[in-house]
Amino acid sequence: MIRPAFTEVILFLAPFVIYASYLWVTRSSALDIEHWPLPRIITLTIISIVLILGSFIYFAHFEGAPPGSTYTPAHMENGQFVPGTIK
């Protein structure tokens, strides 16, 4: 569960890191408040939300079990643990 959450955090922070890198490359002070006006922060936040929603759609469409598959839960057979399977 930590990997999907970490992926979403990275996708949210990516536009801000890219903008801060741009400021650093152009020799502007990334820590100066004048380079972070509210409209720019709102724009970066909207871009971050679009990236997160795109990842939700991607993972919902391309990951997981195929439609119509059957999940067999983990169980014990003759004293041996048999992991769950998707058929």
C-alpha atoms as a PDB file:
ATOM      1  CA  MET A   1       0.000   0.000   0.000  1.00  0.00           C
ATOM      2  CA  ILE A   2       2.936   2.337   0.534  1.00  0.00           C
ATOM      3  CA  ARG A   3       4.041   2.178  -3.121  1.00  0.00           C
ATOM      4  CA  PRO A   4       0.791   3.612  -4.581  1.00  0.00           C
ATOM      5  CA  ALA A   5       0.719   6.320  -1.909  1.00  0.00           C
ATOM      6  CA  PHE A   6       4.375   7.161  -2.569  1.00  0.00           C
ATOM      7  CA  THR A   7       3.653   7.315  -6.311  1.00  0.00           C
ATOM      8  CA  GLU A   8       0.853   9.830  -5.760  1.00  0.00           C
ATOM      9  CA  VAL A   9       3.029  11.997  -3.491  1.00  0.00           C
ATOM     10  CA  ILE A  10       5.799  12.030  -6.113  1.00  0.00           C
ATOM     11  CA  LEU A  11       3.314  12.956  -8.856  1.00  0.00           C
ATOM     12  CA  PHE A  12       1.948  15.777  -6.716  1.00  0.00           C
ATOM     13  CA  LEU A  13       5.384  17.206  -5.917  1.00  0.00           C
ATOM     14  CA  ALA A  14       6.822  16.826  -9.439  1.00  0.00           C
ATOM     15  CA  PRO A  15       5.533  20.141 -10.916  1.00  0.00           C
ATOM     16  CA  PHE A  16       6.802  22.087  -7.904  1.00  0.00           C
ATOM     17  CA  VAL A  17      10.229  20.453  -8.107  1.00  0.00           C
ATOM     18  CA  ILE A  18      10.400  21.091 -11.857  1.00  0.00           C
ATOM     19  CA  TYR A  19       9.506  24.766 -11.333  1.00  0.00           C
ATOM     20  CA  ALA A  20      12.056  25.126  -8.528  1.00  0.00           C
ATOM     21  CA  SER A  21      14.659  23.502 -10.809  1.00  0.00           C
ATOM     22  CA  TYR A  22      13.746  25.981 -13.535  1.00  0.00           C
ATOM     23  CA  LEU A  23      14.280  28.840 -11.099  1.00  0.00           C
ATOM     24  CA  TRP A  24      17.629  27.399 -10.063  1.00  0.00           C
ATOM     25  CA  VAL A  25      18.787  26.961 -13.690  1.00  0.00           C
ATOM     26  CA  THR A  26      17.804  30.542 -14.555  1.00  0.00           C
ATOM     27  CA  ARG A  27      19.794  31.764 -11.535  1.00  0.00           C
ATOM     28  CA  SER A  28      16.661  33.022  -9.780  1.00  0.00           C
ATOM     29  CA  SER A  29      16.255  32.444  -6.098  1.00  0.00           C
ATOM     30  CA  ALA A  30      13.863  29.513  -5.670  1.00  0.00           C
ATOM     31  CA  LEU A  31      13.368  30.500  -2.036  1.00  0.00           C
ATOM     32  CA  ASP A  32      12.368  34.080  -2.847  1.00  0.00           C
ATOM     33  CA  ILE A  33       8.642  34.599  -2.260  1.00  0.00           C
ATOM     34  CA  GLU A  34       8.262  36.845  -5.323  1.00  0.00           C
ATOM     35  CA  HIS A  35       8.923  33.848  -7.594  1.00  0.00           C
ATOM     36  CA  TRP A  36       6.011  31.924  -6.037  1.00  0.00           C
ATOM     37  CA  PRO A  37       2.912  34.105  -6.592  1.00  0.00           C
ATOM     38  CA  LEU A  38      -0.491  32.638  -5.752  1.00  0.00           C
ATOM     39  CA  PRO A  39      -1.630  32.178  -9.405  1.00  0.00           C
ATOM     40  CA  ARG A  40       1.518  30.163 -10.146  1.00  0.00           C
ATOM     41  CA  ILE A  41       1.001  27.981  -7.063  1.00  0.00           C
ATOM     42  CA  ILE A  42      -2.617  27.390  -8.083  1.00  0.00           C
ATOM     43  CA  THR A  43      -1.504  26.455 -11.613  1.00  0.00           C
ATOM     44  CA  LEU A  44       1.100  24.024 -10.272  1.00  0.00           C
ATOM     45  CA  THR A  45      -1.499  22.518  -7.929  1.00  0.00           C
ATOM     46  CA  ILE A  46      -3.966  22.017 -10.801  1.00  0.00           C
ATOM     47  CA  ILE A  47      -1.239  20.348 -12.876  1.00  0.00           C
ATOM     48  CA  SER A  48      -0.441  18.102  -9.897  1.00  0.00           C
ATOM     49  CA  ILE A  49      -4.088  17.100  -9.495  1.00  0.00           C
ATOM     50  CA  VAL A  50      -4.352  16.321 -13.226  1.00  0.00           C
ATOM     51  CA  LEU A  51      -1.257  14.094 -12.962  1.00  0.00           C
ATOM     52  CA  ILE A  52      -2.732  12.257  -9.974  1.00  0.00           C
ATOM     53  CA  LEU A  53      -6.095  11.756 -11.688  1.00  0.00           C
ATOM     54  CA  GLY A  54      -4.293  10.502 -14.792  1.00  0.00           C
ATOM     55  CA  SER A  55      -2.398   7.972 -12.697  1.00  0.00           C
ATOM     56  CA  PHE A  56      -5.652   6.816 -11.066  1.00  0.00           C
ATOM     57  CA  ILE A  57      -7.165   6.244 -14.513  1.00  0.00           C
ATOM     58  CA  TYR A  58      -4.027   4.502 -15.769  1.00  0.00           C
ATOM     59  CA  PHE A  59      -3.777   2.125 -12.805  1.00  0.00           C
ATOM     60  CA  ALA A  60      -7.519   1.384 -12.864  1.00  0.00           C
ATOM     61  CA  HIS A  61      -7.411   0.569 -16.571  1.00  0.00           C
ATOM     62  CA  PHE A  62      -4.089  -1.254 -16.981  1.00  0.00           C
ATOM     63  CA  GLU A  63      -3.389  -2.826 -13.577  1.00  0.00           C
ATOM     64  CA  GLY A  64      -5.144  -5.519 -11.605  1.00  0.00           C
ATOM     65  CA  ALA A  65      -6.998  -8.633 -12.621  1.00  0.00           C
ATOM     66  CA  PRO A  66      -8.644  -8.911 -16.019  1.00  0.00           C
ATOM     67  CA  PRO A  67     -12.445  -8.669 -16.212  1.00  0.00           C
ATOM     68  CA  GLY A  68     -14.253 -11.932 -15.553  1.00  0.00           C
ATOM     69  CA  SER A  69     -11.397 -13.463 -13.556  1.00  0.00           C
ATOM     70  CA  THR A  70     -11.997 -15.390 -10.351  1.00  0.00           C
ATOM     71  CA  TYR A  71     -10.010 -14.907  -7.167  1.00  0.00           C
ATOM     72  CA  THR A  72      -9.257 -17.940  -5.040  1.00  0.00           C
ATOM     73  CA  PRO A  73      -8.267 -16.812  -1.541  1.00  0.00           C
ATOM     74  CA  ALA A  74      -5.262 -18.164   0.308  1.00  0.00           C
ATOM     75  CA  HIS A  75      -5.980 -21.391   2.149  1.00  0.00           C
ATOM     76  CA  MET A  76      -4.404 -24.428   3.791  1.00  0.00           C
ATOM     77  CA  GLU A  77      -4.150 -27.805   1.996  1.00  0.00           C
ATOM     78  CA  ASN A  78      -2.730 -30.773   3.881  1.00  0.00           C
ATOM     79  CA  GLY A  79      -1.034 -28.465   6.362  1.00  0.00           C
ATOM     80  CA  GLN A  80       0.609 -26.394   3.604  1.00  0.00           C
ATOM     81  CA  PHE A  81      -0.140 -22.754   2.909  1.00  0.00           C
ATOM     82  CA  VAL A  82      -1.416 -22.129  -0.632  1.00  0.00           C
ATOM     83  CA  PRO A  83      -1.334 -18.444  -1.663  1.00  0.00           C
ATOM     84  CA  GLY A  84      -4.306 -16.784  -3.310  1.00  0.00           C
ATOM     85  CA  THR A  85      -4.543 -16.913  -7.092  1.00  0.00           C
ATOM     86  CA  ILE A  86      -6.453 -15.154  -9.850  1.00  0.00           C
ATOM     87  CA  LYS A  87      -7.760 -17.354 -12.646  1.00  0.00           C
END
